[in-house]
């Protein structure tokens, strides 16, 4: 969602991102109600950045240190994303410092 928001030039919590999420989730409707799927989406968006960071950290352990230096900052950046309000967080939640999606 962060990539979509960035590519579309919209702020976190923008209605366009919510509509994009809902359109995606429609295809999964046999697995839960819209509310249930939205909650699962929120959880997935929260655990995604740490999971990505830990995966890349493991990958980079086997890379030559000189080459690893190029990628190490990205791992830290992905972990930092976890502390930021998510891409689907309402602007008020973002301003209050509450974690979002």
PDB file of N, CA and C in Angstrom:
ATOM      1  N   UNK A   1       0.813  -1.180   0.000  1.00  0.00           N
ATOM      2  CA  UNK A   1       0.000   0.000   0.000  1.00  0.00           C
ATOM      3  C   UNK A   1       0.866   1.258   0.000  1.00  0.00           C
ATOM      4  N   UNK A   2       2.029   1.172   0.659  1.00  0.00           N
ATOM      5  CA  UNK A   2       2.913   2.340   0.635  1.00  0.00           C
ATOM      6  C   UNK A   2       3.364   2.638  -0.798  1.00  0.00           C
ATOM      7  N   UNK A   3       3.671   1.587  -1.540  1.00  0.00           N
ATOM      8  CA  UNK A   3       4.095   1.780  -2.935  1.00  0.00           C
ATOM      9  C   UNK A   3       2.962   2.357  -3.760  1.00  0.00           C
ATOM     10  N   UNK A   4       1.764   1.851  -3.551  1.00  0.00           N
ATOM     11  CA  UNK A   4       0.610   2.365  -4.291  1.00  0.00           C
ATOM     12  C   UNK A   4       0.368   3.823  -3.942  1.00  0.00           C
ATOM     13  N   UNK A   5       0.425   4.141  -2.663  1.00  0.00           N
ATOM     14  CA  UNK A   5       0.219   5.524  -2.236  1.00  0.00           C
ATOM     15  C   UNK A   5       1.272   6.456  -2.806  1.00  0.00           C
ATOM     16  N   UNK A   6       2.519   5.992  -2.799  1.00  0.00           N
ATOM     17  CA  UNK A   6       3.600   6.799  -3.347  1.00  0.00           C
ATOM     18  C   UNK A   6       3.431   6.979  -4.858  1.00  0.00           C
ATOM     19  N   UNK A   7       3.124   5.882  -5.542  1.00  0.00           N
ATOM     20  CA  UNK A   7       2.955   5.948  -6.995  1.00  0.00           C
ATOM     21  C   UNK A   7       1.780   6.807  -7.414  1.00  0.00           C
ATOM     22  N   UNK A   8       0.728   6.790  -6.603  1.00  0.00           N
ATOM     23  CA  UNK A   8      -0.464   7.586  -6.920  1.00  0.00           C
ATOM     24  C   UNK A   8      -0.364   9.008  -6.392  1.00  0.00           C
ATOM     25  N   UNK A   9       0.644   9.259  -5.562  1.00  0.00           N
ATOM     26  CA  UNK A   9       0.826  10.598  -5.007  1.00  0.00           C
ATOM     27  C   UNK A   9      -0.231  10.976  -3.990  1.00  0.00           C
ATOM     28  N   UNK A  10      -0.685   9.984  -3.208  1.00  0.00           N
ATOM     29  CA  UNK A  10      -1.709  10.270  -2.199  1.00  0.00           C
ATOM     30  C   UNK A  10      -1.129  10.053  -0.810  1.00  0.00           C
ATOM     31  N   UNK A  11      -1.712  10.713   0.155  1.00  0.00           N
ATOM     32  CA  UNK A  11      -1.254  10.637   1.539  1.00  0.00           C
ATOM     33  C   UNK A  11      -1.776   9.368   2.206  1.00  0.00           C
ATOM     34  N   UNK A  12      -1.086   8.913   3.262  1.00  0.00           N
ATOM     35  CA  UNK A  12      -1.601   7.771   4.022  1.00  0.00           C
ATOM     36  C   UNK A  12      -3.040   8.035   4.471  1.00  0.00           C
ATOM     37  N   UNK A  13      -3.858   7.015   4.417  1.00  0.00           N
ATOM     38  CA  UNK A  13      -5.254   7.140   4.819  1.00  0.00           C
ATOM     39  C   UNK A  13      -6.174   7.695   3.751  1.00  0.00           C
ATOM     40  N   UNK A  14      -5.633   8.033   2.588  1.00  0.00           N
ATOM     41  CA  UNK A  14      -6.456   8.578   1.514  1.00  0.00           C
ATOM     42  C   UNK A  14      -7.539   7.571   1.111  1.00  0.00           C
ATOM     43  N   UNK A  15      -8.713   8.078   0.806  1.00  0.00           N
ATOM     44  CA  UNK A  15      -9.839   7.213   0.432  1.00  0.00           C
ATOM     45  C   UNK A  15      -9.504   6.335  -0.773  1.00  0.00           C
ATOM     46  N   UNK A  16      -8.670   6.814  -1.656  1.00  0.00           N
ATOM     47  CA  UNK A  16      -8.288   6.017  -2.824  1.00  0.00           C
ATOM     48  C   UNK A  16      -7.575   4.722  -2.400  1.00  0.00           C
ATOM     49  N   UNK A  17      -6.718   4.809  -1.385  1.00  0.00           N
ATOM     50  CA  UNK A  17      -6.037   3.614  -0.889  1.00  0.00           C
ATOM     51  C   UNK A  17      -7.024   2.647  -0.234  1.00  0.00           C
ATOM     52  N   UNK A  18      -7.986   3.195   0.481  1.00  0.00           N
ATOM     53  CA  UNK A  18      -9.002   2.343   1.101  1.00  0.00           C
ATOM     54  C   UNK A  18      -9.842   1.643   0.033  1.00  0.00           C
ATOM     55  N   UNK A  19     -10.173   2.361  -1.018  1.00  0.00           N
ATOM     56  CA  UNK A  19     -10.931   1.750  -2.123  1.00  0.00           C
ATOM     57  C   UNK A  19     -10.100   0.685  -2.822  1.00  0.00           C
ATOM     58  N   UNK A  20      -8.820   0.938  -2.991  1.00  0.00           N
ATOM     59  CA  UNK A  20      -7.924  -0.049  -3.604  1.00  0.00           C
ATOM     60  C   UNK A  20      -7.856  -1.311  -2.745  1.00  0.00           C
ATOM     61  N   UNK A  21      -7.705  -1.138  -1.433  1.00  0.00           N
ATOM     62  CA  UNK A  21      -7.691  -2.282  -0.518  1.00  0.00           C
ATOM     63  C   UNK A  21      -8.995  -3.070  -0.621  1.00  0.00           C
ATOM     64  N   UNK A  22     -10.116  -2.371  -0.576  1.00  0.00           N
ATOM     65  CA  UNK A  22     -11.413  -3.048  -0.621  1.00  0.00           C
ATOM     66  C   UNK A  22     -11.630  -3.781  -1.937  1.00  0.00           C
ATOM     67  N   UNK A  23     -11.187  -3.197  -3.033  1.00  0.00           N
ATOM     68  CA  UNK A  23     -11.318  -3.866  -4.337  1.00  0.00           C
ATOM     69  C   UNK A  23     -10.485  -5.144  -4.352  1.00  0.00           C
ATOM     70  N   UNK A  24      -9.298  -5.091  -3.790  1.00  0.00           N
ATOM     71  CA  UNK A  24      -8.450  -6.280  -3.711  1.00  0.00           C
ATOM     72  C   UNK A  24      -9.115  -7.349  -2.842  1.00  0.00           C
ATOM     73  N   UNK A  25      -9.652  -6.939  -1.705  1.00  0.00           N
ATOM     74  CA  UNK A  25     -10.229  -7.894  -0.762  1.00  0.00           C
ATOM     75  C   UNK A  25     -11.518  -8.541  -1.272  1.00  0.00           C
ATOM     76  N   UNK A  26     -12.194  -7.899  -2.218  1.00  0.00           N
ATOM     77  CA  UNK A  26     -13.429  -8.485  -2.767  1.00  0.00           C
ATOM     78  C   UNK A  26     -13.190  -9.895  -3.283  1.00  0.00           C
ATOM     79  N   UNK A  27     -12.040 -10.145  -3.834  1.00  0.00           N
ATOM     80  CA  UNK A  27     -11.727 -11.461  -4.403  1.00  0.00           C
ATOM     81  C   UNK A  27     -11.551 -12.529  -3.327  1.00  0.00           C
ATOM     82  N   UNK A  28     -11.449 -12.129  -2.080  1.00  0.00           N
ATOM     83  CA  UNK A  28     -11.260 -13.057  -0.963  1.00  0.00           C
ATOM     84  C   UNK A  28     -12.529 -13.183  -0.123  1.00  0.00           C
ATOM     85  N   UNK A  29     -13.646 -12.703  -0.635  1.00  0.00           N
ATOM     86  CA  UNK A  29     -14.883 -12.621   0.150  1.00  0.00           C
ATOM     87  C   UNK A  29     -15.401 -13.968   0.646  1.00  0.00           C
ATOM     88  N   UNK A  30     -15.005 -15.059   0.032  1.00  0.00           N
ATOM     89  CA  UNK A  30     -15.458 -16.371   0.510  1.00  0.00           C
ATOM     90  C   UNK A  30     -14.742 -16.770   1.804  1.00  0.00           C
ATOM     91  N   UNK A  31     -13.731 -16.008   2.217  1.00  0.00           N
ATOM     92  CA  UNK A  31     -12.965 -16.333   3.413  1.00  0.00           C
ATOM     93  C   UNK A  31     -13.325 -15.475   4.624  1.00  0.00           C
ATOM     94  N   UNK A  32     -14.230 -14.535   4.468  1.00  0.00           N
ATOM     95  CA  UNK A  32     -14.632 -13.713   5.603  1.00  0.00           C
ATOM     96  C   UNK A  32     -15.471 -12.529   5.168  1.00  0.00           C
ATOM     97  N   UNK A  33     -16.010 -11.844   6.158  1.00  0.00           N
ATOM     98  CA  UNK A  33     -16.793 -10.637   5.896  1.00  0.00           C
ATOM     99  C   UNK A  33     -15.841  -9.507   5.512  1.00  0.00           C
ATOM    100  N   UNK A  34     -16.366  -8.451   4.910  1.00  0.00           N
ATOM    101  CA  UNK A  34     -15.479  -7.318   4.598  1.00  0.00           C
ATOM    102  C   UNK A  34     -14.727  -6.800   5.835  1.00  0.00           C
ATOM    103  N   UNK A  35     -15.418  -6.722   6.958  1.00  0.00           N
ATOM    104  CA  UNK A  35     -14.763  -6.253   8.182  1.00  0.00           C
ATOM    105  C   UNK A  35     -13.644  -7.175   8.642  1.00  0.00           C
ATOM    106  N   UNK A  36     -13.886  -8.486   8.573  1.00  0.00           N
ATOM    107  CA  UNK A  36     -12.853  -9.440   8.958  1.00  0.00           C
ATOM    108  C   UNK A  36     -11.645  -9.342   8.029  1.00  0.00           C
ATOM    109  N   UNK A  37     -11.904  -9.246   6.748  1.00  0.00           N
ATOM    110  CA  UNK A  37     -10.806  -9.158   5.779  1.00  0.00           C
ATOM    111  C   UNK A  37     -10.027  -7.854   5.943  1.00  0.00           C
ATOM    112  N   UNK A  38     -10.729  -6.764   6.256  1.00  0.00           N
ATOM    113  CA  UNK A  38     -10.043  -5.496   6.484  1.00  0.00           C
ATOM    114  C   UNK A  38      -9.138  -5.585   7.708  1.00  0.00           C
ATOM    115  N   UNK A  39      -9.603  -6.267   8.760  1.00  0.00           N
ATOM    116  CA  UNK A  39      -8.780  -6.433   9.958  1.00  0.00           C
ATOM    117  C   UNK A  39      -7.553  -7.288   9.657  1.00  0.00           C
ATOM    118  N   UNK A  40      -7.747  -8.371   8.908  1.00  0.00           N
ATOM    119  CA  UNK A  40      -6.608  -9.204   8.524  1.00  0.00           C
ATOM    120  C   UNK A  40      -5.629  -8.427   7.649  1.00  0.00           C
ATOM    121  N   UNK A  41      -6.157  -7.567   6.796  1.00  0.00           N
ATOM    122  CA  UNK A  41      -5.303  -6.724   5.958  1.00  0.00           C
ATOM    123  C   UNK A  41      -4.489  -5.766   6.825  1.00  0.00           C
ATOM    124  N   UNK A  42      -5.134  -5.190   7.831  1.00  0.00           N
ATOM    125  CA  UNK A  42      -4.447  -4.273   8.739  1.00  0.00           C
ATOM    126  C   UNK A  42      -3.288  -4.991   9.438  1.00  0.00           C
ATOM    127  N   UNK A  43      -3.545  -6.199   9.907  1.00  0.00           N
ATOM    128  CA  UNK A  43      -2.507  -6.973  10.585  1.00  0.00           C
ATOM    129  C   UNK A  43      -1.370  -7.295   9.613  1.00  0.00           C
ATOM    130  N   UNK A  44      -1.721  -7.731   8.414  1.00  0.00           N
ATOM    131  CA  UNK A  44      -0.699  -8.084   7.416  1.00  0.00           C
ATOM    132  C   UNK A  44       0.188  -6.887   7.079  1.00  0.00           C
ATOM    133  N   UNK A  45      -0.416  -5.720   6.970  1.00  0.00           N
ATOM    134  CA  UNK A  45       0.372  -4.529   6.657  1.00  0.00           C
ATOM    135  C   UNK A  45       1.276  -4.114   7.817  1.00  0.00           C
ATOM    136  N   UNK A  46       0.919  -4.479   9.039  1.00  0.00           N
ATOM    137  CA  UNK A  46       1.762  -4.164  10.184  1.00  0.00           C
ATOM    138  C   UNK A  46       2.948  -5.114  10.288  1.00  0.00           C
ATOM    139  N   UNK A  47       2.735  -6.401   9.993  1.00  0.00           N
ATOM    140  CA  UNK A  47       3.830  -7.365  10.155  1.00  0.00           C
ATOM    141  C   UNK A  47       4.713  -7.443   8.910  1.00  0.00           C
ATOM    142  N   UNK A  48       4.268  -6.876   7.806  1.00  0.00           N
ATOM    143  CA  UNK A  48       5.040  -6.939   6.572  1.00  0.00           C
ATOM    144  C   UNK A  48       6.426  -6.324   6.651  1.00  0.00           C
ATOM    145  N   UNK A  49       6.574  -5.076   7.117  1.00  0.00           N
ATOM    146  CA  UNK A  49       7.916  -4.474   7.156  1.00  0.00           C
ATOM    147  C   UNK A  49       8.921  -5.242   8.017  1.00  0.00           C
ATOM    148  N   UNK A  50       8.569  -5.678   9.246  1.00  0.00           N
ATOM    149  CA  UNK A  50       9.564  -6.456   9.995  1.00  0.00           C
ATOM    150  C   UNK A  50       9.887  -7.793   9.327  1.00  0.00           C
ATOM    151  N   UNK A  51       8.886  -8.433   8.754  1.00  0.00           N
ATOM    152  CA  UNK A  51       9.135  -9.705   8.075  1.00  0.00           C
ATOM    153  C   UNK A  51      10.083  -9.508   6.897  1.00  0.00           C
ATOM    154  N   UNK A  52       9.861  -8.446   6.133  1.00  0.00           N
ATOM    155  CA  UNK A  52      10.740  -8.154   4.993  1.00  0.00           C
ATOM    156  C   UNK A  52      12.154  -7.849   5.476  1.00  0.00           C
ATOM    157  N   UNK A  53      12.263  -7.060   6.542  1.00  0.00           N
ATOM    158  CA  UNK A  53      13.590  -6.709   7.071  1.00  0.00           C
ATOM    159  C   UNK A  53      14.326  -7.944   7.564  1.00  0.00           C
ATOM    160  N   UNK A  54      13.649  -8.814   8.289  1.00  0.00           N
ATOM    161  CA  UNK A  54      14.304 -10.015   8.808  1.00  0.00           C
ATOM    162  C   UNK A  54      14.698 -10.965   7.685  1.00  0.00           C
ATOM    163  N   UNK A  55      13.868 -11.068   6.661  1.00  0.00           N
ATOM    164  CA  UNK A  55      14.208 -11.913   5.513  1.00  0.00           C
ATOM    165  C   UNK A  55      15.459 -11.400   4.823  1.00  0.00           C
ATOM    166  N   UNK A  56      15.515 -10.093   4.559  1.00  0.00           N
ATOM    167  CA  UNK A  56      16.685  -9.525   3.893  1.00  0.00           C
ATOM    168  C   UNK A  56      17.924  -9.605   4.777  1.00  0.00           C
ATOM    169  N   UNK A  57      17.737  -9.467   6.076  1.00  0.00           N
ATOM    170  CA  UNK A  57      18.886  -9.588   6.982  1.00  0.00           C
ATOM    171  C   UNK A  57      19.494 -10.983   6.851  1.00  0.00           C
ATOM    172  N   UNK A  58      18.645 -11.988   6.815  1.00  0.00           N
ATOM    173  CA  UNK A  58      19.152 -13.361   6.660  1.00  0.00           C
ATOM    174  C   UNK A  58      19.848 -13.548   5.312  1.00  0.00           C
ATOM    175  N   UNK A  59      19.264 -13.006   4.269  1.00  0.00           N
ATOM    176  CA  UNK A  59      19.867 -13.112   2.942  1.00  0.00           C
ATOM    177  C   UNK A  59      21.247 -12.462   2.934  1.00  0.00           C
ATOM    178  N   UNK A  60      21.332 -11.296   3.542  1.00  0.00           N
ATOM    179  CA  UNK A  60      22.586 -10.530   3.493  1.00  0.00           C
ATOM    180  C   UNK A  60      23.694 -11.129   4.352  1.00  0.00           C
ATOM    181  N   UNK A  61      23.360 -12.001   5.274  1.00  0.00           N
ATOM    182  CA  UNK A  61      24.402 -12.644   6.080  1.00  0.00           C
ATOM    183  C   UNK A  61      25.370 -13.441   5.213  1.00  0.00           C
ATOM    184  N   UNK A  62      24.891 -13.940   4.074  1.00  0.00           N
ATOM    185  CA  UNK A  62      25.740 -14.720   3.185  1.00  0.00           C
ATOM    186  C   UNK A  62      26.390 -13.922   2.079  1.00  0.00           C
ATOM    187  N   UNK A  63      26.232 -12.613   2.108  1.00  0.00           N
ATOM    188  CA  UNK A  63      26.777 -11.750   1.059  1.00  0.00           C
ATOM    189  C   UNK A  63      28.095 -11.147   1.537  1.00  0.00           C
ATOM    190  N   UNK A  64      29.026 -10.983   0.623  1.00  0.00           N
ATOM    191  CA  UNK A  64      30.320 -10.372   0.931  1.00  0.00           C
ATOM    192  C   UNK A  64      30.083  -9.018   1.613  1.00  0.00           C
ATOM    193  N   UNK A  65      30.822  -8.728   2.704  1.00  0.00           N
ATOM    194  CA  UNK A  65      30.607  -7.485   3.456  1.00  0.00           C
ATOM    195  C   UNK A  65      30.608  -6.215   2.605  1.00  0.00           C
ATOM    196  N   UNK A  66      31.457  -6.146   1.605  1.00  0.00           N
ATOM    197  CA  UNK A  66      31.505  -4.946   0.759  1.00  0.00           C
ATOM    198  C   UNK A  66      30.195  -4.770  -0.012  1.00  0.00           C
ATOM    199  N   UNK A  67      29.629  -5.877  -0.445  1.00  0.00           N
ATOM    200  CA  UNK A  67      28.351  -5.801  -1.164  1.00  0.00           C
ATOM    201  C   UNK A  67      27.193  -5.614  -0.191  1.00  0.00           C
ATOM    202  N   UNK A  68      27.305  -6.165   1.001  1.00  0.00           N
ATOM    203  CA  UNK A  68      26.255  -6.052   2.000  1.00  0.00           C
ATOM    204  C   UNK A  68      26.042  -4.600   2.408  1.00  0.00           C
ATOM    205  N   UNK A  69      27.108  -3.825   2.448  1.00  0.00           N
ATOM    206  CA  UNK A  69      27.016  -2.431   2.883  1.00  0.00           C
ATOM    207  C   UNK A  69      26.020  -1.636   2.052  1.00  0.00           C
ATOM    208  N   UNK A  70      25.878  -2.012   0.796  1.00  0.00           N
ATOM    209  CA  UNK A  70      24.925  -1.313  -0.080  1.00  0.00           C
ATOM    210  C   UNK A  70      23.485  -1.530   0.382  1.00  0.00           C
ATOM    211  N   UNK A  71      23.194  -2.698   0.940  1.00  0.00           N
ATOM    212  CA  UNK A  71      21.820  -3.064   1.269  1.00  0.00           C
ATOM    213  C   UNK A  71      21.466  -2.899   2.748  1.00  0.00           C
ATOM    214  N   UNK A  72      22.437  -2.870   3.627  1.00  0.00           N
ATOM    215  CA  UNK A  72      22.165  -2.786   5.061  1.00  0.00           C
ATOM    216  C   UNK A  72      21.233  -1.633   5.452  1.00  0.00           C
ATOM    217  N   UNK A  73      21.392  -0.442   4.887  1.00  0.00           N
ATOM    218  CA  UNK A  73      20.487   0.649   5.281  1.00  0.00           C
ATOM    219  C   UNK A  73      19.013   0.349   4.974  1.00  0.00           C
ATOM    220  N   UNK A  74      18.767  -0.436   3.936  1.00  0.00           N
ATOM    221  CA  UNK A  74      17.381  -0.771   3.607  1.00  0.00           C
ATOM    222  C   UNK A  74      16.751  -1.620   4.695  1.00  0.00           C
ATOM    223  N   UNK A  75      17.525  -2.531   5.262  1.00  0.00           N
ATOM    224  CA  UNK A  75      17.003  -3.393   6.326  1.00  0.00           C
ATOM    225  C   UNK A  75      16.566  -2.528   7.506  1.00  0.00           C
ATOM    226  N   UNK A  76      17.405  -1.597   7.901  1.00  0.00           N
ATOM    227  CA  UNK A  76      17.054  -0.703   9.007  1.00  0.00           C
ATOM    228  C   UNK A  76      15.835   0.150   8.651  1.00  0.00           C
ATOM    229  N   UNK A  77      15.742   0.582   7.415  1.00  0.00           N
ATOM    230  CA  UNK A  77      14.601   1.383   6.984  1.00  0.00           C
ATOM    231  C   UNK A  77      13.297   0.609   7.031  1.00  0.00           C
ATOM    232  N   UNK A  78      13.352  -0.671   6.654  1.00  0.00           N
ATOM    233  CA  UNK A  78      12.139  -1.485   6.706  1.00  0.00           C
ATOM    234  C   UNK A  78      11.696  -1.709   8.149  1.00  0.00           C
ATOM    235  N   UNK A  79      12.652  -1.859   9.048  1.00  0.00           N
ATOM    236  CA  UNK A  79      12.281  -1.983  10.456  1.00  0.00           C
ATOM    237  C   UNK A  79      11.684  -0.672  10.966  1.00  0.00           C
ATOM    238  N   UNK A  80      12.217   0.445  10.513  1.00  0.00           N
ATOM    239  CA  UNK A  80      11.686   1.740  10.935  1.00  0.00           C
ATOM    240  C   UNK A  80      10.253   1.950  10.441  1.00  0.00           C
ATOM    241  N   UNK A  81       9.909   1.358   9.296  1.00  0.00           N
ATOM    242  CA  UNK A  81       8.534   1.465   8.796  1.00  0.00           C
ATOM    243  C   UNK A  81       7.534   0.929   9.804  1.00  0.00           C
ATOM    244  N   UNK A  82       7.942  -0.063  10.570  1.00  0.00           N
ATOM    245  CA  UNK A  82       7.049  -0.662  11.552  1.00  0.00           C
ATOM    246  C   UNK A  82       6.603   0.366  12.590  1.00  0.00           C
ATOM    247  N   UNK A  83       7.463   1.315  12.887  1.00  0.00           N
ATOM    248  CA  UNK A  83       7.163   2.322  13.904  1.00  0.00           C
ATOM    249  C   UNK A  83       6.319   3.474  13.371  1.00  0.00           C
ATOM    250  N   UNK A  84       6.184   3.569  12.062  1.00  0.00           N
ATOM    251  CA  UNK A  84       5.420   4.642  11.448  1.00  0.00           C
ATOM    252  C   UNK A  84       3.947   4.255  11.342  1.00  0.00           C
ATOM    253  N   UNK A  85       3.055   5.255  11.311  1.00  0.00           N
ATOM    254  CA  UNK A  85       1.657   4.941  11.022  1.00  0.00           C
ATOM    255  C   UNK A  85       1.585   4.309   9.637  1.00  0.00           C
ATOM    256  N   UNK A  86       0.709   3.383   9.470  1.00  0.00           N
ATOM    257  CA  UNK A  86       0.625   2.654   8.207  1.00  0.00           C
ATOM    258  C   UNK A  86       0.006   3.445   7.082  1.00  0.00           C
ATOM    259  N   UNK A  87       0.071   2.873   5.899  1.00  0.00           N
ATOM    260  CA  UNK A  87      -0.414   3.540   4.699  1.00  0.00           C
ATOM    261  C   UNK A  87      -1.926   3.705   4.676  1.00  0.00           C
ATOM    262  N   UNK A  88      -2.641   2.935   5.490  1.00  0.00           N
ATOM    263  CA  UNK A  88      -4.092   3.064   5.540  1.00  0.00           C
ATOM    264  C   UNK A  88      -4.561   3.783   6.795  1.00  0.00           C
ATOM    265  N   UNK A  89      -3.622   4.273   7.601  1.00  0.00           N
ATOM    266  CA  UNK A  89      -3.982   4.977   8.828  1.00  0.00           C
ATOM    267  C   UNK A  89      -4.669   6.287   8.478  1.00  0.00           C
ATOM    268  N   UNK A  90      -5.710   6.576   9.210  1.00  0.00           N
ATOM    269  CA  UNK A  90      -6.386   7.854   9.027  1.00  0.00           C
ATOM    270  C   UNK A  90      -5.434   8.969   9.409  1.00  0.00           C
ATOM    271  N   UNK A  91      -5.529  10.122   8.757  1.00  0.00           N
ATOM    272  CA  UNK A  91      -4.614  11.220   9.087  1.00  0.00           C
ATOM    273  C   UNK A  91      -4.604  11.566  10.568  1.00  0.00           C
ATOM    274  N   UNK A  92      -5.752  11.497  11.258  1.00  0.00           N
ATOM    275  CA  UNK A  92      -5.789  11.810  12.696  1.00  0.00           C
ATOM    276  C   UNK A  92      -4.959  10.807  13.486  1.00  0.00           C
ATOM    277  N   UNK A  93      -5.024   9.527  13.110  1.00  0.00           N
ATOM    278  CA  UNK A  93      -4.227   8.509  13.794  1.00  0.00           C
ATOM    279  C   UNK A  93      -2.748   8.754  13.551  1.00  0.00           C
ATOM    280  N   UNK A  94      -2.406   9.153  12.354  1.00  0.00           N
ATOM    281  CA  UNK A  94      -1.006   9.424  12.031  1.00  0.00           C
ATOM    282  C   UNK A  94      -0.507  10.611  12.847  1.00  0.00           C
ATOM    283  N   UNK A  95      -1.316  11.650  12.956  1.00  0.00           N
ATOM    284  CA  UNK A  95      -0.919  12.836  13.687  1.00  0.00           C
ATOM    285  C   UNK A  95      -0.779  12.541  15.175  1.00  0.00           C
ATOM    286  N   UNK A  96      -1.602  11.621  15.695  1.00  0.00           N
ATOM    287  CA  UNK A  96      -1.547  11.282  17.115  1.00  0.00           C
ATOM    288  C   UNK A  96      -0.436  10.300  17.432  1.00  0.00           C
ATOM    289  N   UNK A  97       0.240   9.795  16.389  1.00  0.00           N
ATOM    290  CA  UNK A  97       1.326   8.853  16.594  1.00  0.00           C
ATOM    291  C   UNK A  97       0.857   7.435  16.874  1.00  0.00           C
ATOM    292  N   UNK A  98      -0.408   7.152  16.581  1.00  0.00           N
ATOM    293  CA  UNK A  98      -0.912   5.787  16.771  1.00  0.00           C
ATOM    294  C   UNK A  98      -0.552   4.955  15.566  1.00  0.00           C
ATOM    295  N   UNK A  99      -0.141   3.710  15.797  1.00  0.00           N
ATOM    296  CA  UNK A  99       0.181   2.851  14.671  1.00  0.00           C
ATOM    297  C   UNK A  99      -1.045   2.578  13.812  1.00  0.00           C
ATOM    298  N   UNK A 100      -0.815   2.487  12.520  1.00  0.00           N
ATOM    299  CA  UNK A 100      -1.903   2.196  11.599  1.00  0.00           C
ATOM    300  C   UNK A 100      -1.617   0.941  10.824  1.00  0.00           C
ATOM    301  N   UNK A 101      -1.980   0.945   9.560  1.00  0.00           N
ATOM    302  CA  UNK A 101      -1.859  -0.254   8.736  1.00  0.00           C
ATOM    303  C   UNK A 101      -0.598  -0.230   7.921  1.00  0.00           C
TER     304      UNK A 101
END
